[in-house]
Amino acid sequence: MLLGLRPAALQVLGEPKTLEEKELVAVLNGNQPDVDLYSSQIKPGIKRLIAKLDANYRKRPINPSLFSESRAG
């Protein structure tokens, strides 16, 4: 994801079995329709809250300045 650990995360997850695992794989693959689908099916509670945070985080606008070649660094 943000640290470039997507391949390792997918390998650890293997074949997703639970709704939470399916939602996480969708997040890792950037599949927003599946993120929305699975996060809405997770039972209310902390797991659903985290799934909804994932879904909302992926919907945020991308800051174009992050990809600007003029960044100092």
PDB file of N, CA and C in Angstrom:
ATOM      1  N   MET A   1       0.835  -1.170   0.000  1.00  0.00           N
ATOM      2  CA  MET A   1       0.000   0.000   0.000  1.00  0.00           C
ATOM      3  C   MET A   1       0.883   1.238   0.000  1.00  0.00           C
ATOM      4  N   LEU A   2       0.810   2.039   1.033  1.00  0.00           N
ATOM      5  CA  LEU A   2       1.569   3.277   1.038  1.00  0.00           C
ATOM      6  C   LEU A   2       3.066   3.049   1.145  1.00  0.00           C
ATOM      7  N   LEU A   3       3.480   1.948   1.708  1.00  0.00           N
ATOM      8  CA  LEU A   3       4.903   1.678   1.885  1.00  0.00           C
ATOM      9  C   LEU A   3       5.439   0.713   0.843  1.00  0.00           C
ATOM     10  N   GLY A   4       4.673   0.427  -0.174  1.00  0.00           N
ATOM     11  CA  GLY A   4       5.125  -0.469  -1.215  1.00  0.00           C
ATOM     12  C   GLY A   4       5.113  -1.933  -0.807  1.00  0.00           C
ATOM     13  N   LEU A   5       4.304  -2.266   0.174  1.00  0.00           N
ATOM     14  CA  LEU A   5       4.261  -3.639   0.678  1.00  0.00           C
ATOM     15  C   LEU A   5       3.067  -4.424   0.144  1.00  0.00           C
ATOM     16  N   ARG A   6       2.435  -3.924  -0.913  1.00  0.00           N
ATOM     17  CA  ARG A   6       1.260  -4.577  -1.477  1.00  0.00           C
ATOM     18  C   ARG A   6       1.513  -6.030  -1.857  1.00  0.00           C
ATOM     19  N   PRO A   7       2.589  -6.348  -2.595  1.00  0.00           N
ATOM     20  CA  PRO A   7       2.810  -7.746  -2.964  1.00  0.00           C
ATOM     21  C   PRO A   7       2.950  -8.667  -1.749  1.00  0.00           C
ATOM     22  N   ALA A   8       3.634  -8.193  -0.734  1.00  0.00           N
ATOM     23  CA  ALA A   8       3.800  -9.002   0.480  1.00  0.00           C
ATOM     24  C   ALA A   8       2.470  -9.194   1.191  1.00  0.00           C
ATOM     25  N   ALA A   9       1.671  -8.142   1.246  1.00  0.00           N
ATOM     26  CA  ALA A   9       0.361  -8.239   1.900  1.00  0.00           C
ATOM     27  C   ALA A   9      -0.539  -9.221   1.166  1.00  0.00           C
ATOM     28  N   LEU A  10      -0.544  -9.160  -0.164  1.00  0.00           N
ATOM     29  CA  LEU A  10      -1.358 -10.093  -0.951  1.00  0.00           C
ATOM     30  C   LEU A  10      -0.898 -11.532  -0.753  1.00  0.00           C
ATOM     31  N   GLN A  11       0.402 -11.722  -0.652  1.00  0.00           N
ATOM     32  CA  GLN A  11       0.940 -13.075  -0.446  1.00  0.00           C
ATOM     33  C   GLN A  11       0.537 -13.615   0.919  1.00  0.00           C
ATOM     34  N   VAL A  12       0.613 -12.788   1.936  1.00  0.00           N
ATOM     35  CA  VAL A  12       0.237 -13.214   3.284  1.00  0.00           C
ATOM     36  C   VAL A  12      -1.254 -13.540   3.348  1.00  0.00           C
ATOM     37  N   LEU A  13      -2.073 -12.733   2.690  1.00  0.00           N
ATOM     38  CA  LEU A  13      -3.514 -12.970   2.703  1.00  0.00           C
ATOM     39  C   LEU A  13      -3.899 -14.241   1.954  1.00  0.00           C
ATOM     40  N   GLY A  14      -3.179 -14.541   0.896  1.00  0.00           N
ATOM     41  CA  GLY A  14      -3.522 -15.717   0.109  1.00  0.00           C
ATOM     42  C   GLY A  14      -4.910 -15.561  -0.496  1.00  0.00           C
ATOM     43  N   GLU A  15      -5.678 -16.646  -0.527  1.00  0.00           N
ATOM     44  CA  GLU A  15      -7.043 -16.601  -1.043  1.00  0.00           C
ATOM     45  C   GLU A  15      -7.965 -16.077   0.059  1.00  0.00           C
ATOM     46  N   PRO A  16      -8.577 -14.901  -0.163  1.00  0.00           N
ATOM     47  CA  PRO A  16      -9.429 -14.326   0.888  1.00  0.00           C
ATOM     48  C   PRO A  16     -10.665 -15.184   1.147  1.00  0.00           C
ATOM     49  N   LYS A  17     -10.960 -15.387   2.432  1.00  0.00           N
ATOM     50  CA  LYS A  17     -12.090 -16.230   2.820  1.00  0.00           C
ATOM     51  C   LYS A  17     -13.216 -15.417   3.464  1.00  0.00           C
ATOM     52  N   THR A  18     -12.873 -14.450   4.288  1.00  0.00           N
ATOM     53  CA  THR A  18     -13.878 -13.661   4.995  1.00  0.00           C
ATOM     54  C   THR A  18     -14.184 -12.379   4.225  1.00  0.00           C
ATOM     55  N   LEU A  19     -15.279 -11.737   4.580  1.00  0.00           N
ATOM     56  CA  LEU A  19     -15.611 -10.449   3.960  1.00  0.00           C
ATOM     57  C   LEU A  19     -14.512  -9.424   4.217  1.00  0.00           C
ATOM     58  N   GLU A  20     -13.951  -9.453   5.423  1.00  0.00           N
ATOM     59  CA  GLU A  20     -12.891  -8.504   5.772  1.00  0.00           C
ATOM     60  C   GLU A  20     -11.667  -8.712   4.890  1.00  0.00           C
ATOM     61  N   GLU A  21     -11.306  -9.980   4.667  1.00  0.00           N
ATOM     62  CA  GLU A  21     -10.155 -10.276   3.813  1.00  0.00           C
ATOM     63  C   GLU A  21     -10.439  -9.874   2.367  1.00  0.00           C
ATOM     64  N   LYS A  22     -11.648 -10.134   1.898  1.00  0.00           N
ATOM     65  CA  LYS A  22     -12.018  -9.756   0.534  1.00  0.00           C
ATOM     66  C   LYS A  22     -11.976  -8.246   0.365  1.00  0.00           C
ATOM     67  N   GLU A  23     -12.442  -7.515   1.374  1.00  0.00           N
ATOM     68  CA  GLU A  23     -12.414  -6.056   1.327  1.00  0.00           C
ATOM     69  C   GLU A  23     -10.979  -5.558   1.299  1.00  0.00           C
ATOM     70  N   LEU A  24     -10.116  -6.161   2.099  1.00  0.00           N
ATOM     71  CA  LEU A  24      -8.721  -5.738   2.134  1.00  0.00           C
ATOM     72  C   LEU A  24      -8.022  -6.010   0.805  1.00  0.00           C
ATOM     73  N   VAL A  25      -8.278  -7.154   0.205  1.00  0.00           N
ATOM     74  CA  VAL A  25      -7.694  -7.457  -1.105  1.00  0.00           C
ATOM     75  C   VAL A  25      -8.187  -6.442  -2.138  1.00  0.00           C
ATOM     76  N   ALA A  26      -9.458  -6.083  -2.069  1.00  0.00           N
ATOM     77  CA  ALA A  26      -9.998  -5.069  -2.985  1.00  0.00           C
ATOM     78  C   ALA A  26      -9.292  -3.730  -2.781  1.00  0.00           C
ATOM     79  N   VAL A  27      -9.034  -3.364  -1.532  1.00  0.00           N
ATOM     80  CA  VAL A  27      -8.303  -2.126  -1.238  1.00  0.00           C
ATOM     81  C   VAL A  27      -6.905  -2.198  -1.841  1.00  0.00           C
ATOM     82  N   LEU A  28      -6.226  -3.307  -1.606  1.00  0.00           N
ATOM     83  CA  LEU A  28      -4.863  -3.458  -2.102  1.00  0.00           C
ATOM     84  C   LEU A  28      -4.796  -3.423  -3.624  1.00  0.00           C
ATOM     85  N   ASN A  29      -5.850  -3.913  -4.277  1.00  0.00           N
ATOM     86  CA  ASN A  29      -5.886  -3.937  -5.739  1.00  0.00           C
ATOM     87  C   ASN A  29      -6.499  -2.682  -6.344  1.00  0.00           C
ATOM     88  N   GLY A  30      -6.960  -1.755  -5.496  1.00  0.00           N
ATOM     89  CA  GLY A  30      -7.546  -0.517  -5.986  1.00  0.00           C
ATOM     90  C   GLY A  30      -8.896  -0.713  -6.649  1.00  0.00           C
ATOM     91  N   ASN A  31      -9.627  -1.726  -6.231  1.00  0.00           N
ATOM     92  CA  ASN A  31     -10.928  -2.047  -6.819  1.00  0.00           C
ATOM     93  C   ASN A  31     -12.032  -1.412  -5.968  1.00  0.00           C
ATOM     94  N   GLN A  32     -12.329  -0.138  -6.242  1.00  0.00           N
ATOM     95  CA  GLN A  32     -13.281   0.611  -5.414  1.00  0.00           C
ATOM     96  C   GLN A  32     -14.688   0.008  -5.392  1.00  0.00           C
ATOM     97  N   PRO A  33     -15.219  -0.479  -6.517  1.00  0.00           N
ATOM     98  CA  PRO A  33     -16.558  -1.086  -6.435  1.00  0.00           C
ATOM     99  C   PRO A  33     -16.616  -2.273  -5.469  1.00  0.00           C
ATOM    100  N   ASP A  34     -15.584  -3.114  -5.464  1.00  0.00           N
ATOM    101  CA  ASP A  34     -15.557  -4.241  -4.528  1.00  0.00           C
ATOM    102  C   ASP A  34     -15.335  -3.774  -3.091  1.00  0.00           C
ATOM    103  N   VAL A  35     -14.525  -2.726  -2.901  1.00  0.00           N
ATOM    104  CA  VAL A  35     -14.335  -2.163  -1.559  1.00  0.00           C
ATOM    105  C   VAL A  35     -15.685  -1.729  -1.004  1.00  0.00           C
ATOM    106  N   ASP A  36     -16.452  -1.003  -1.815  1.00  0.00           N
ATOM    107  CA  ASP A  36     -17.770  -0.544  -1.379  1.00  0.00           C
ATOM    108  C   ASP A  36     -18.704  -1.724  -1.102  1.00  0.00           C
ATOM    109  N   LEU A  37     -18.693  -2.712  -1.986  1.00  0.00           N
ATOM    110  CA  LEU A  37     -19.558  -3.881  -1.838  1.00  0.00           C
ATOM    111  C   LEU A  37     -19.255  -4.636  -0.544  1.00  0.00           C
ATOM    112  N   TYR A  38     -17.994  -5.004  -0.352  1.00  0.00           N
ATOM    113  CA  TYR A  38     -17.637  -5.809   0.826  1.00  0.00           C
ATOM    114  C   TYR A  38     -17.746  -5.016   2.121  1.00  0.00           C
ATOM    115  N   SER A  39     -17.362  -3.745   2.096  1.00  0.00           N
ATOM    116  CA  SER A  39     -17.437  -2.958   3.340  1.00  0.00           C
ATOM    117  C   SER A  39     -18.879  -2.780   3.790  1.00  0.00           C
ATOM    118  N   SER A  40     -19.812  -2.738   2.838  1.00  0.00           N
ATOM    119  CA  SER A  40     -21.215  -2.589   3.219  1.00  0.00           C
ATOM    120  C   SER A  40     -21.814  -3.897   3.747  1.00  0.00           C
ATOM    121  N   GLN A  41     -21.160  -5.028   3.475  1.00  0.00           N
ATOM    122  CA  GLN A  41     -21.669  -6.325   3.924  1.00  0.00           C
ATOM    123  C   GLN A  41     -21.106  -6.759   5.278  1.00  0.00           C
ATOM    124  N   ILE A  42     -20.069  -6.081   5.747  1.00  0.00           N
ATOM    125  CA  ILE A  42     -19.462  -6.432   7.030  1.00  0.00           C
ATOM    126  C   ILE A  42     -20.394  -5.988   8.154  1.00  0.00           C
ATOM    127  N   LYS A  43     -20.566  -6.851   9.146  1.00  0.00           N
ATOM    128  CA  LYS A  43     -21.470  -6.561  10.266  1.00  0.00           C
ATOM    129  C   LYS A  43     -21.019  -5.305  11.009  1.00  0.00           C
ATOM    130  N   PRO A  44     -21.994  -4.527  11.523  1.00  0.00           N
ATOM    131  CA  PRO A  44     -21.643  -3.324  12.285  1.00  0.00           C
ATOM    132  C   PRO A  44     -20.706  -3.646  13.452  1.00  0.00           C
ATOM    133  N   GLY A  45     -19.772  -2.759  13.679  1.00  0.00           N
ATOM    134  CA  GLY A  45     -18.784  -2.920  14.732  1.00  0.00           C
ATOM    135  C   GLY A  45     -17.458  -2.346  14.265  1.00  0.00           C
ATOM    136  N   ILE A  46     -16.401  -2.656  14.978  1.00  0.00           N
ATOM    137  CA  ILE A  46     -15.089  -2.080  14.675  1.00  0.00           C
ATOM    138  C   ILE A  46     -14.587  -2.523  13.305  1.00  0.00           C
ATOM    139  N   LYS A  47     -14.866  -3.768  12.908  1.00  0.00           N
ATOM    140  CA  LYS A  47     -14.408  -4.236  11.596  1.00  0.00           C
ATOM    141  C   LYS A  47     -15.079  -3.456  10.469  1.00  0.00           C
ATOM    142  N   ARG A  48     -16.350  -3.168  10.643  1.00  0.00           N
ATOM    143  CA  ARG A  48     -17.054  -2.381   9.624  1.00  0.00           C
ATOM    144  C   ARG A  48     -16.542  -0.955   9.601  1.00  0.00           C
ATOM    145  N   LEU A  49     -16.276  -0.393  10.770  1.00  0.00           N
ATOM    146  CA  LEU A  49     -15.734   0.960  10.836  1.00  0.00           C
ATOM    147  C   LEU A  49     -14.417   1.041  10.068  1.00  0.00           C
ATOM    148  N   ILE A  50     -13.539   0.085  10.291  1.00  0.00           N
ATOM    149  CA  ILE A  50     -12.250   0.078   9.594  1.00  0.00           C
ATOM    150  C   ILE A  50     -12.462  -0.079   8.090  1.00  0.00           C
ATOM    151  N   ALA A  51     -13.384  -0.948   7.692  1.00  0.00           N
ATOM    152  CA  ALA A  51     -13.676  -1.137   6.271  1.00  0.00           C
ATOM    153  C   ALA A  51     -14.196   0.156   5.653  1.00  0.00           C
ATOM    154  N   LYS A  52     -15.070   0.862   6.363  1.00  0.00           N
ATOM    155  CA  LYS A  52     -15.603   2.123   5.849  1.00  0.00           C
ATOM    156  C   LYS A  52     -14.505   3.188   5.765  1.00  0.00           C
ATOM    157  N   LEU A  53     -13.579   3.185   6.717  1.00  0.00           N
ATOM    158  CA  LEU A  53     -12.446   4.110   6.646  1.00  0.00           C
ATOM    159  C   LEU A  53     -11.603   3.813   5.408  1.00  0.00           C
ATOM    160  N   ASP A  54     -11.378   2.525   5.122  1.00  0.00           N
ATOM    161  CA  ASP A  54     -10.658   2.133   3.907  1.00  0.00           C
ATOM    162  C   ASP A  54     -11.366   2.672   2.680  1.00  0.00           C
ATOM    163  N   ALA A  55     -12.673   2.458   2.618  1.00  0.00           N
ATOM    164  CA  ALA A  55     -13.454   2.876   1.453  1.00  0.00           C
ATOM    165  C   ALA A  55     -13.393   4.394   1.279  1.00  0.00           C
ATOM    166  N   ASN A  56     -13.533   5.139   2.354  1.00  0.00           N
ATOM    167  CA  ASN A  56     -13.497   6.598   2.266  1.00  0.00           C
ATOM    168  C   ASN A  56     -12.113   7.118   1.947  1.00  0.00           C
ATOM    169  N   TYR A  57     -11.072   6.475   2.464  1.00  0.00           N
ATOM    170  CA  TYR A  57      -9.697   6.903   2.193  1.00  0.00           C
ATOM    171  C   TYR A  57      -9.399   6.784   0.700  1.00  0.00           C
ATOM    172  N   ARG A  58      -9.875   5.713   0.093  1.00  0.00           N
ATOM    173  CA  ARG A  58      -9.620   5.487  -1.330  1.00  0.00           C
ATOM    174  C   ARG A  58     -10.377   6.487  -2.201  1.00  0.00           C
ATOM    175  N   LYS A  59     -11.445   7.088  -1.684  1.00  0.00           N
ATOM    176  CA  LYS A  59     -12.244   8.027  -2.472  1.00  0.00           C
ATOM    177  C   LYS A  59     -11.737   9.462  -2.379  1.00  0.00           C
ATOM    178  N   ARG A  60     -10.747   9.710  -1.545  1.00  0.00           N
ATOM    179  CA  ARG A  60     -10.283  11.086  -1.360  1.00  0.00           C
ATOM    180  C   ARG A  60      -9.604  11.581  -2.642  1.00  0.00           C
ATOM    181  N   PRO A  61      -9.648  12.891  -2.853  1.00  0.00           N
ATOM    182  CA  PRO A  61      -8.989  13.445  -4.038  1.00  0.00           C
ATOM    183  C   PRO A  61      -7.479  13.270  -3.937  1.00  0.00           C
ATOM    184  N   ILE A  62      -6.862  13.027  -5.050  1.00  0.00           N
ATOM    185  CA  ILE A  62      -5.397  12.892  -5.084  1.00  0.00           C
ATOM    186  C   ILE A  62      -4.796  14.282  -5.194  1.00  0.00           C
ATOM    187  N   ASN A  63      -3.781  14.541  -4.387  1.00  0.00           N
ATOM    188  CA  ASN A  63      -3.089  15.824  -4.406  1.00  0.00           C
ATOM    189  C   ASN A  63      -2.064  15.797  -5.541  1.00  0.00           C
ATOM    190  N   PRO A  64      -2.296  16.552  -6.613  1.00  0.00           N
ATOM    191  CA  PRO A  64      -1.371  16.504  -7.751  1.00  0.00           C
ATOM    192  C   PRO A  64       0.035  16.961  -7.413  1.00  0.00           C
ATOM    193  N   SER A  65       0.195  17.755  -6.370  1.00  0.00           N
ATOM    194  CA  SER A  65       1.531  18.230  -6.013  1.00  0.00           C
ATOM    195  C   SER A  65       2.432  17.095  -5.540  1.00  0.00           C
ATOM    196  N   LEU A  66       1.837  15.976  -5.148  1.00  0.00           N
ATOM    197  CA  LEU A  66       2.652  14.830  -4.739  1.00  0.00           C
ATOM    198  C   LEU A  66       3.437  14.253  -5.907  1.00  0.00           C
ATOM    199  N   PHE A  67       2.975  14.520  -7.124  1.00  0.00           N
ATOM    200  CA  PHE A  67       3.606  13.943  -8.305  1.00  0.00           C
ATOM    201  C   PHE A  67       4.337  14.991  -9.142  1.00  0.00           C
ATOM    202  N   SER A  68       4.474  16.176  -8.596  1.00  0.00           N
ATOM    203  CA  SER A  68       5.116  17.264  -9.303  1.00  0.00           C
ATOM    204  C   SER A  68       6.618  17.043  -9.351  1.00  0.00           C
ATOM    205  N   GLU A  69       7.208  17.298 -10.501  1.00  0.00           N
ATOM    206  CA  GLU A  69       8.661  17.151 -10.644  1.00  0.00           C
ATOM    207  C   GLU A  69       9.408  18.294 -10.001  1.00  0.00           C
ATOM    208  N   SER A  70       8.700  19.366  -9.664  1.00  0.00           N
ATOM    209  CA  SER A  70       9.351  20.544  -9.096  1.00  0.00           C
ATOM    210  C   SER A  70       9.493  20.457  -7.582  1.00  0.00           C
ATOM    211  N   ARG A  71       9.094  19.313  -6.996  1.00  0.00           N
ATOM    212  CA  ARG A  71       9.213  19.168  -5.534  1.00  0.00           C
ATOM    213  C   ARG A  71      10.675  19.198  -5.128  1.00  0.00           C
ATOM    214  N   ALA A  72      10.942  19.924  -4.050  1.00  0.00           N
ATOM    215  CA  ALA A  72      12.314  19.956  -3.506  1.00  0.00           C
ATOM    216  C   ALA A  72      12.555  18.676  -2.752  1.00  0.00           C
ATOM    217  N   GLY A  73      13.756  18.171  -2.797  1.00  0.00           N
ATOM    218  CA  GLY A  73      13.995  16.963  -2.023  1.00  0.00           C
ATOM    219  C   GLY A  73      15.161  16.257  -2.384  1.00  0.00           C
TER     220      GLY A  73
END
